């Protein structure tokens, strides 16, 4: 039962990631691309969590936490670069 639910969740997350990649490539503005990249990171975190549930191991949850921290910092740095032109003042 869990394997079937994980497979359905996996397919849904992969579909969402494909739509995010489309928005990343076609986005009319740079800010739309940043938002698509941030959403892609969130979908990747969800994919890692689903794989962790599927394999019944906690190692993937720790990887998802690290990926979330790196994704958040990269989004903040990129937005700061777009607003001010530099990241480190």
PDB file of N, CA and C in Angstrom:
ATOM      1  N   UNK A   1       0.820  -1.193   0.000  1.00  0.00           N
ATOM      2  CA  UNK A   1       0.000   0.000   0.000  1.00  0.00           C
ATOM      3  C   UNK A   1       0.870   1.264   0.000  1.00  0.00           C
ATOM      4  N   UNK A   2       1.909   1.263   0.847  1.00  0.00           N
ATOM      5  CA  UNK A   2       2.808   2.420   0.896  1.00  0.00           C
ATOM      6  C   UNK A   2       3.562   2.565  -0.423  1.00  0.00           C
ATOM      7  N   UNK A   3       3.936   1.440  -1.009  1.00  0.00           N
ATOM      8  CA  UNK A   3       4.674   1.499  -2.271  1.00  0.00           C
ATOM      9  C   UNK A   3       3.821   2.111  -3.376  1.00  0.00           C
ATOM     10  N   UNK A   4       2.547   1.792  -3.400  1.00  0.00           N
ATOM     11  CA  UNK A   4       1.649   2.358  -4.408  1.00  0.00           C
ATOM     12  C   UNK A   4       1.470   3.854  -4.191  1.00  0.00           C
ATOM     13  N   UNK A   5       1.297   4.255  -2.930  1.00  0.00           N
ATOM     14  CA  UNK A   5       1.149   5.681  -2.625  1.00  0.00           C
ATOM     15  C   UNK A   5       2.424   6.445  -2.977  1.00  0.00           C
ATOM     16  N   UNK A   6       3.584   5.853  -2.694  1.00  0.00           N
ATOM     17  CA  UNK A   6       4.848   6.493  -3.040  1.00  0.00           C
ATOM     18  C   UNK A   6       5.021   6.604  -4.548  1.00  0.00           C
ATOM     19  N   UNK A   7       4.595   5.600  -5.275  1.00  0.00           N
ATOM     20  CA  UNK A   7       4.696   5.641  -6.733  1.00  0.00           C
ATOM     21  C   UNK A   7       3.808   6.732  -7.316  1.00  0.00           C
ATOM     22  N   UNK A   8       2.599   6.882  -6.797  1.00  0.00           N
ATOM     23  CA  UNK A   8       1.694   7.929  -7.266  1.00  0.00           C
ATOM     24  C   UNK A   8       2.247   9.311  -6.908  1.00  0.00           C
ATOM     25  N   UNK A   9       2.768   9.457  -5.682  1.00  0.00           N
ATOM     26  CA  UNK A   9       3.369  10.727  -5.270  1.00  0.00           C
ATOM     27  C   UNK A   9       4.594  11.045  -6.114  1.00  0.00           C
ATOM     28  N   UNK A  10       5.399  10.033  -6.412  1.00  0.00           N
ATOM     29  CA  UNK A  10       6.580  10.202  -7.248  1.00  0.00           C
ATOM     30  C   UNK A  10       6.190  10.728  -8.628  1.00  0.00           C
ATOM     31  N   UNK A  11       5.154  10.142  -9.219  1.00  0.00           N
ATOM     32  CA  UNK A  11       4.706  10.576 -10.542  1.00  0.00           C
ATOM     33  C   UNK A  11       4.187  12.010 -10.506  1.00  0.00           C
ATOM     34  N   UNK A  12       3.447  12.356  -9.462  1.00  0.00           N
ATOM     35  CA  UNK A  12       2.934  13.719  -9.350  1.00  0.00           C
ATOM     36  C   UNK A  12       4.039  14.744  -9.168  1.00  0.00           C
ATOM     37  N   UNK A  13       5.037  14.412  -8.372  1.00  0.00           N
ATOM     38  CA  UNK A  13       6.139  15.341  -8.139  1.00  0.00           C
ATOM     39  C   UNK A  13       6.985  15.492  -9.400  1.00  0.00           C
ATOM     40  N   UNK A  14       7.181  14.412 -10.119  1.00  0.00           N
ATOM     41  CA  UNK A  14       7.945  14.497 -11.371  1.00  0.00           C
ATOM     42  C   UNK A  14       7.191  15.354 -12.391  1.00  0.00           C
ATOM     43  N   UNK A  15       5.861  15.224 -12.448  1.00  0.00           N
ATOM     44  CA  UNK A  15       5.071  16.071 -13.345  1.00  0.00           C
ATOM     45  C   UNK A  15       5.194  17.539 -12.948  1.00  0.00           C
ATOM     46  N   UNK A  16       5.158  17.819 -11.654  1.00  0.00           N
ATOM     47  CA  UNK A  16       5.319  19.196 -11.186  1.00  0.00           C
ATOM     48  C   UNK A  16       6.709  19.725 -11.515  1.00  0.00           C
ATOM     49  N   UNK A  17       7.720  18.877 -11.403  1.00  0.00           N
ATOM     50  CA  UNK A  17       9.078  19.308 -11.733  1.00  0.00           C
ATOM     51  C   UNK A  17       9.224  19.611 -13.229  1.00  0.00           C
ATOM     52  N   UNK A  18       8.573  18.817 -14.061  1.00  0.00           N
ATOM     53  CA  UNK A  18       8.618  19.095 -15.500  1.00  0.00           C
ATOM     54  C   UNK A  18       7.952  20.424 -15.830  1.00  0.00           C
ATOM     55  N   UNK A  19       6.837  20.724 -15.162  1.00  0.00           N
ATOM     56  CA  UNK A  19       6.188  22.013 -15.371  1.00  0.00           C
ATOM     57  C   UNK A  19       7.053  23.163 -14.859  1.00  0.00           C
ATOM     58  N   UNK A  20       7.781  22.926 -13.777  1.00  0.00           N
ATOM     59  CA  UNK A  20       8.704  23.953 -13.278  1.00  0.00           C
ATOM     60  C   UNK A  20       9.855  24.187 -14.242  1.00  0.00           C
ATOM     61  N   UNK A  21      10.365  23.140 -14.838  1.00  0.00           N
ATOM     62  CA  UNK A  21      11.444  23.295 -15.821  1.00  0.00           C
ATOM     63  C   UNK A  21      10.941  24.074 -17.028  1.00  0.00           C
ATOM     64  N   UNK A  22       9.692  23.834 -17.424  1.00  0.00           N
ATOM     65  CA  UNK A  22       9.099  24.610 -18.515  1.00  0.00           C
ATOM     66  C   UNK A  22       9.028  26.086 -18.150  1.00  0.00           C
ATOM     67  N   UNK A  23       8.571  26.384 -16.928  1.00  0.00           N
ATOM     68  CA  UNK A  23       8.482  27.782 -16.492  1.00  0.00           C
ATOM     69  C   UNK A  23       9.876  28.398 -16.358  1.00  0.00           C
ATOM     70  N   UNK A  24      10.840  27.601 -15.978  1.00  0.00           N
ATOM     71  CA  UNK A  24      12.212  28.086 -15.855  1.00  0.00           C
ATOM     72  C   UNK A  24      12.773  28.488 -17.212  1.00  0.00           C
ATOM     73  N   UNK A  25      12.413  27.758 -18.239  1.00  0.00           N
ATOM     74  CA  UNK A  25      12.910  28.069 -19.572  1.00  0.00           C
ATOM     75  C   UNK A  25      12.134  29.147 -20.292  1.00  0.00           C
ATOM     76  N   UNK A  26      10.832  29.233 -20.063  1.00  0.00           N
ATOM     77  CA  UNK A  26       9.968  30.131 -20.823  1.00  0.00           C
ATOM     78  C   UNK A  26       9.651  31.411 -20.050  1.00  0.00           C
ATOM     79  N   UNK A  27       9.917  31.430 -18.750  1.00  0.00           N
ATOM     80  CA  UNK A  27       9.541  32.556 -17.907  1.00  0.00           C
ATOM     81  C   UNK A  27       9.806  33.913 -18.547  1.00  0.00           C
ATOM     82  N   UNK A  28       8.821  34.791 -18.568  1.00  0.00           N
ATOM     83  CA  UNK A  28       9.005  36.069 -19.266  1.00  0.00           C
ATOM     84  C   UNK A  28       9.944  37.025 -18.545  1.00  0.00           C
ATOM     85  N   UNK A  29      10.178  36.814 -17.260  1.00  0.00           N
ATOM     86  CA  UNK A  29      10.992  37.741 -16.488  1.00  0.00           C
ATOM     87  C   UNK A  29      11.983  36.953 -15.637  1.00  0.00           C
ATOM     88  N   UNK A  30      13.008  37.617 -15.173  1.00  0.00           N
ATOM     89  CA  UNK A  30      14.017  36.961 -14.337  1.00  0.00           C
ATOM     90  C   UNK A  30      13.400  36.531 -13.008  1.00  0.00           C
ATOM     91  N   UNK A  31      12.506  37.326 -12.465  1.00  0.00           N
ATOM     92  CA  UNK A  31      11.877  36.983 -11.193  1.00  0.00           C
ATOM     93  C   UNK A  31      11.006  35.734 -11.309  1.00  0.00           C
ATOM     94  N   UNK A  32      10.376  35.547 -12.465  1.00  0.00           N
ATOM     95  CA  UNK A  32       9.614  34.311 -12.690  1.00  0.00           C
ATOM     96  C   UNK A  32      10.536  33.103 -12.710  1.00  0.00           C
ATOM     97  N   UNK A  33      11.708  33.273 -13.260  1.00  0.00           N
ATOM     98  CA  UNK A  33      12.679  32.179 -13.290  1.00  0.00           C
ATOM     99  C   UNK A  33      13.212  31.860 -11.895  1.00  0.00           C
ATOM    100  N   UNK A  34      13.414  32.891 -11.066  1.00  0.00           N
ATOM    101  CA  UNK A  34      13.856  32.660  -9.691  1.00  0.00           C
ATOM    102  C   UNK A  34      12.781  31.916  -8.919  1.00  0.00           C
ATOM    103  N   UNK A  35      11.540  32.318  -9.085  1.00  0.00           N
ATOM    104  CA  UNK A  35      10.432  31.638  -8.420  1.00  0.00           C
ATOM    105  C   UNK A  35      10.306  30.194  -8.897  1.00  0.00           C
ATOM    106  N   UNK A  36      10.491  29.951 -10.190  1.00  0.00           N
ATOM    107  CA  UNK A  36      10.446  28.587 -10.714  1.00  0.00           C
ATOM    108  C   UNK A  36      11.594  27.747 -10.162  1.00  0.00           C
ATOM    109  N   UNK A  37      12.753  28.345 -10.005  1.00  0.00           N
ATOM    110  CA  UNK A  37      13.894  27.622  -9.445  1.00  0.00           C
ATOM    111  C   UNK A  37      13.664  27.281  -7.982  1.00  0.00           C
ATOM    112  N   UNK A  38      13.073  28.209  -7.231  1.00  0.00           N
ATOM    113  CA  UNK A  38      12.767  27.945  -5.828  1.00  0.00           C
ATOM    114  C   UNK A  38      11.713  26.844  -5.703  1.00  0.00           C
ATOM    115  N   UNK A  39      10.718  26.876  -6.549  1.00  0.00           N
ATOM    116  CA  UNK A  39       9.689  25.828  -6.535  1.00  0.00           C
ATOM    117  C   UNK A  39      10.272  24.486  -6.964  1.00  0.00           C
ATOM    118  N   UNK A  40      11.233  24.513  -7.869  1.00  0.00           N
ATOM    119  CA  UNK A  40      11.899  23.284  -8.283  1.00  0.00           C
ATOM    120  C   UNK A  40      12.686  22.675  -7.128  1.00  0.00           C
ATOM    121  N   UNK A  41      13.301  23.519  -6.317  1.00  0.00           N
ATOM    122  CA  UNK A  41      14.015  23.030  -5.139  1.00  0.00           C
ATOM    123  C   UNK A  41      13.032  22.396  -4.152  1.00  0.00           C
ATOM    124  N   UNK A  42      11.890  23.016  -3.949  1.00  0.00           N
ATOM    125  CA  UNK A  42      10.881  22.465  -3.040  1.00  0.00           C
ATOM    126  C   UNK A  42      10.378  21.127  -3.554  1.00  0.00           C
ATOM    127  N   UNK A  43      10.169  21.017  -4.852  1.00  0.00           N
ATOM    128  CA  UNK A  43       9.741  19.735  -5.422  1.00  0.00           C
ATOM    129  C   UNK A  43      10.829  18.675  -5.301  1.00  0.00           C
ATOM    130  N   UNK A  44      12.078  19.074  -5.433  1.00  0.00           N
ATOM    131  CA  UNK A  44      13.173  18.113  -5.263  1.00  0.00           C
ATOM    132  C   UNK A  44      13.243  17.619  -3.826  1.00  0.00           C
ATOM    133  N   UNK A  45      12.983  18.507  -2.870  1.00  0.00           N
ATOM    134  CA  UNK A  45      12.945  18.099  -1.468  1.00  0.00           C
ATOM    135  C   UNK A  45      11.815  17.103  -1.242  1.00  0.00           C
ATOM    136  N   UNK A  46      10.660  17.372  -1.820  1.00  0.00           N
ATOM    137  CA  UNK A  46       9.539  16.438  -1.695  1.00  0.00           C
ATOM    138  C   UNK A  46       9.867  15.094  -2.329  1.00  0.00           C
ATOM    139  N   UNK A  47      10.574  15.115  -3.444  1.00  0.00           N
ATOM    140  CA  UNK A  47      10.964  13.869  -4.101  1.00  0.00           C
ATOM    141  C   UNK A  47      11.932  13.074  -3.228  1.00  0.00           C
ATOM    142  N   UNK A  48      12.863  13.755  -2.583  1.00  0.00           N
ATOM    143  CA  UNK A  48      13.799  13.076  -1.688  1.00  0.00           C
ATOM    144  C   UNK A  48      13.056  12.458  -0.508  1.00  0.00           C
ATOM    145  N   UNK A  49      12.083  13.174   0.042  1.00  0.00           N
ATOM    146  CA  UNK A  49      11.306  12.648   1.170  1.00  0.00           C
ATOM    147  C   UNK A  49      10.498  11.426   0.755  1.00  0.00           C
ATOM    148  N   UNK A  50       9.891  11.456  -0.422  1.00  0.00           N
ATOM    149  CA  UNK A  50       9.111  10.303  -0.905  1.00  0.00           C
ATOM    150  C   UNK A  50      10.020   9.096  -1.118  1.00  0.00           C
ATOM    151  N   UNK A  51      11.210   9.319  -1.646  1.00  0.00           N
ATOM    152  CA  UNK A  51      12.151   8.213  -1.822  1.00  0.00           C
ATOM    153  C   UNK A  51      12.572   7.657  -0.465  1.00  0.00           C
ATOM    154  N   UNK A  52      12.747   8.540   0.526  1.00  0.00           N
ATOM    155  CA  UNK A  52      13.077   8.088   1.877  1.00  0.00           C
ATOM    156  C   UNK A  52      11.976   7.251   2.495  1.00  0.00           C
ATOM    157  N   UNK A  53      10.731   7.628   2.253  1.00  0.00           N
ATOM    158  CA  UNK A  53       9.608   6.820   2.749  1.00  0.00           C
ATOM    159  C   UNK A  53       9.563   5.484   2.027  1.00  0.00           C
ATOM    160  N   UNK A  54       9.825   5.518   0.731  1.00  0.00           N
ATOM    161  CA  UNK A  54       9.771   4.292  -0.067  1.00  0.00           C
ATOM    162  C   UNK A  54      10.823   3.285   0.408  1.00  0.00           C
ATOM    163  N   UNK A  55      12.053   3.759   0.678  1.00  0.00           N
ATOM    164  CA  UNK A  55      13.123   2.864   1.108  1.00  0.00           C
ATOM    165  C   UNK A  55      13.179   2.663   2.619  1.00  0.00           C
ATOM    166  N   UNK A  56      12.334   3.345   3.367  1.00  0.00           N
ATOM    167  CA  UNK A  56      12.238   3.226   4.837  1.00  0.00           C
ATOM    168  C   UNK A  56      13.572   3.485   5.530  1.00  0.00           C
ATOM    169  N   UNK A  57      14.199   4.597   5.187  1.00  0.00           N
ATOM    170  CA  UNK A  57      15.451   4.981   5.820  1.00  0.00           C
ATOM    171  C   UNK A  57      15.426   6.464   6.158  1.00  0.00           C
ATOM    172  N   UNK A  58      16.114   6.833   7.230  1.00  0.00           N
ATOM    173  CA  UNK A  58      16.132   8.220   7.680  1.00  0.00           C
ATOM    174  C   UNK A  58      17.237   9.035   7.016  1.00  0.00           C
ATOM    175  N   UNK A  59      18.126   8.385   6.287  1.00  0.00           N
ATOM    176  CA  UNK A  59      19.230   9.081   5.647  1.00  0.00           C
ATOM    177  C   UNK A  59      18.714  10.104   4.626  1.00  0.00           C
ATOM    178  N   UNK A  60      17.660   9.784   3.939  1.00  0.00           N
ATOM    179  CA  UNK A  60      17.119  10.687   2.932  1.00  0.00           C
ATOM    180  C   UNK A  60      16.489  11.926   3.563  1.00  0.00           C
ATOM    181  N   UNK A  61      15.962  11.808   4.771  1.00  0.00           N
ATOM    182  CA  UNK A  61      15.376  12.958   5.437  1.00  0.00           C
ATOM    183  C   UNK A  61      16.458  13.970   5.818  1.00  0.00           C
ATOM    184  N   UNK A  62      17.608  13.479   6.252  1.00  0.00           N
ATOM    185  CA  UNK A  62      18.720  14.375   6.549  1.00  0.00           C
ATOM    186  C   UNK A  62      19.217  15.059   5.279  1.00  0.00           C
ATOM    187  N   UNK A  63      19.249  14.319   4.188  1.00  0.00           N
ATOM    188  CA  UNK A  63      19.646  14.911   2.908  1.00  0.00           C
ATOM    189  C   UNK A  63      18.642  15.971   2.471  1.00  0.00           C
ATOM    190  N   UNK A  64      17.364  15.739   2.728  1.00  0.00           N
ATOM    191  CA  UNK A  64      16.341  16.719   2.375  1.00  0.00           C
ATOM    192  C   UNK A  64      16.497  17.992   3.198  1.00  0.00           C
ATOM    193  N   UNK A  65      16.844  17.859   4.471  1.00  0.00           N
ATOM    194  CA  UNK A  65      17.070  19.042   5.306  1.00  0.00           C
ATOM    195  C   UNK A  65      18.267  19.850   4.807  1.00  0.00           C
ATOM    196  N   UNK A  66      19.338  19.179   4.453  1.00  0.00           N
ATOM    197  CA  UNK A  66      20.512  19.881   3.922  1.00  0.00           C
ATOM    198  C   UNK A  66      20.193  20.558   2.594  1.00  0.00           C
ATOM    199  N   UNK A  67      19.447  19.880   1.756  1.00  0.00           N
ATOM    200  CA  UNK A  67      19.062  20.440   0.466  1.00  0.00           C
ATOM    201  C   UNK A  67      18.157  21.652   0.658  1.00  0.00           C
ATOM    202  N   UNK A  68      17.280  21.613   1.672  1.00  0.00           N
ATOM    203  CA  UNK A  68      16.401  22.744   1.953  1.00  0.00           C
ATOM    204  C   UNK A  68      17.203  23.958   2.404  1.00  0.00           C
ATOM    205  N   UNK A  69      18.201  23.738   3.240  1.00  0.00           N
ATOM    206  CA  UNK A  69      19.025  24.862   3.699  1.00  0.00           C
ATOM    207  C   UNK A  69      19.810  25.480   2.547  1.00  0.00           C
ATOM    208  N   UNK A  70      20.392  24.656   1.716  1.00  0.00           N
ATOM    209  CA  UNK A  70      21.156  25.169   0.574  1.00  0.00           C
ATOM    210  C   UNK A  70      20.233  25.872  -0.421  1.00  0.00           C
ATOM    211  N   UNK A  71      19.057  25.316  -0.652  1.00  0.00           N
ATOM    212  CA  UNK A  71      18.100  25.949  -1.555  1.00  0.00           C
ATOM    213  C   UNK A  71      17.634  27.297  -1.051  1.00  0.00           C
ATOM    214  N   UNK A  72      17.377  27.404   0.254  1.00  0.00           N
ATOM    215  CA  UNK A  72      16.956  28.674   0.829  1.00  0.00           C
ATOM    216  C   UNK A  72      18.055  29.718   0.712  1.00  0.00           C
ATOM    217  N   UNK A  73      19.269  29.339   1.049  1.00  0.00           N
ATOM    218  CA  UNK A  73      20.372  30.299   0.975  1.00  0.00           C
ATOM    219  C   UNK A  73      20.653  30.746  -0.456  1.00  0.00           C
ATOM    220  N   UNK A  74      20.556  29.831  -1.402  1.00  0.00           N
ATOM    221  CA  UNK A  74      20.797  30.218  -2.792  1.00  0.00           C
ATOM    222  C   UNK A  74      19.694  31.130  -3.321  1.00  0.00           C
ATOM    223  N   UNK A  75      18.454  30.899  -2.899  1.00  0.00           N
ATOM    224  CA  UNK A  75      17.362  31.781  -3.319  1.00  0.00           C
ATOM    225  C   UNK A  75      17.533  33.171  -2.738  1.00  0.00           C
ATOM    226  N   UNK A  76      17.895  33.259  -1.467  1.00  0.00           N
ATOM    227  CA  UNK A  76      18.113  34.561  -0.840  1.00  0.00           C
ATOM    228  C   UNK A  76      19.277  35.289  -1.498  1.00  0.00           C
ATOM    229  N   UNK A  77      20.351  34.577  -1.772  1.00  0.00           N
ATOM    230  CA  UNK A  77      21.516  35.202  -2.403  1.00  0.00           C
ATOM    231  C   UNK A  77      21.187  35.686  -3.812  1.00  0.00           C
ATOM    232  N   UNK A  78      20.431  34.903  -4.554  1.00  0.00           N
ATOM    233  CA  UNK A  78      20.107  35.299  -5.919  1.00  0.00           C
ATOM    234  C   UNK A  78      19.169  36.498  -5.930  1.00  0.00           C
ATOM    235  N   UNK A  79      18.204  36.530  -5.016  1.00  0.00           N
ATOM    236  CA  UNK A  79      17.295  37.680  -4.936  1.00  0.00           C
ATOM    237  C   UNK A  79      18.039  38.936  -4.497  1.00  0.00           C
ATOM    238  N   UNK A  80      18.971  38.791  -3.565  1.00  0.00           N
ATOM    239  CA  UNK A  80      19.767  39.932  -3.141  1.00  0.00           C
ATOM    240  C   UNK A  80      20.626  40.441  -4.285  1.00  0.00           C
ATOM    241  N   UNK A  81      21.160  39.538  -5.084  1.00  0.00           N
ATOM    242  CA  UNK A  81      21.944  39.940  -6.247  1.00  0.00           C
ATOM    243  C   UNK A  81      21.083  40.700  -7.249  1.00  0.00           C
ATOM    244  N   UNK A  82      19.849  40.253  -7.459  1.00  0.00           N
ATOM    245  CA  UNK A  82      18.970  40.928  -8.404  1.00  0.00           C
ATOM    246  C   UNK A  82      18.560  42.316  -7.903  1.00  0.00           C
ATOM    247  N   UNK A  83      18.384  42.454  -6.597  1.00  0.00           N
ATOM    248  CA  UNK A  83      17.952  43.743  -6.052  1.00  0.00           C
ATOM    249  C   UNK A  83      19.099  44.750  -5.958  1.00  0.00           C
ATOM    250  N   UNK A  84      20.273  44.325  -5.494  1.00  0.00           N
ATOM    251  CA  UNK A  84      21.351  45.257  -5.210  1.00  0.00           C
ATOM    252  C   UNK A  84      22.531  45.191  -6.170  1.00  0.00           C
ATOM    253  N   UNK A  85      22.657  44.107  -6.891  1.00  0.00           N
ATOM    254  CA  UNK A  85      23.772  43.980  -7.820  1.00  0.00           C
ATOM    255  C   UNK A  85      24.983  43.288  -7.236  1.00  0.00           C
ATOM    256  N   UNK A  86      24.989  43.053  -5.911  1.00  0.00           N
ATOM    257  CA  UNK A  86      26.075  42.309  -5.290  1.00  0.00           C
ATOM    258  C   UNK A  86      25.497  41.490  -4.145  1.00  0.00           C
ATOM    259  N   UNK A  87      26.224  40.481  -3.739  1.00  0.00           N
ATOM    260  CA  UNK A  87      25.745  39.613  -2.678  1.00  0.00           C
ATOM    261  C   UNK A  87      26.415  39.972  -1.360  1.00  0.00           C
ATOM    262  N   UNK A  88      27.707  40.224  -1.396  1.00  0.00           N
ATOM    263  CA  UNK A  88      28.453  40.556  -0.186  1.00  0.00           C
ATOM    264  C   UNK A  88      28.726  42.050  -0.179  1.00  0.00           C
ATOM    265  N   UNK A  89      28.362  42.684   0.918  1.00  0.00           N
ATOM    266  CA  UNK A  89      28.556  44.123   1.006  1.00  0.00           C
ATOM    267  C   UNK A  89      29.826  44.455   1.734  1.00  0.00           C
TER     268      UNK A  89
END
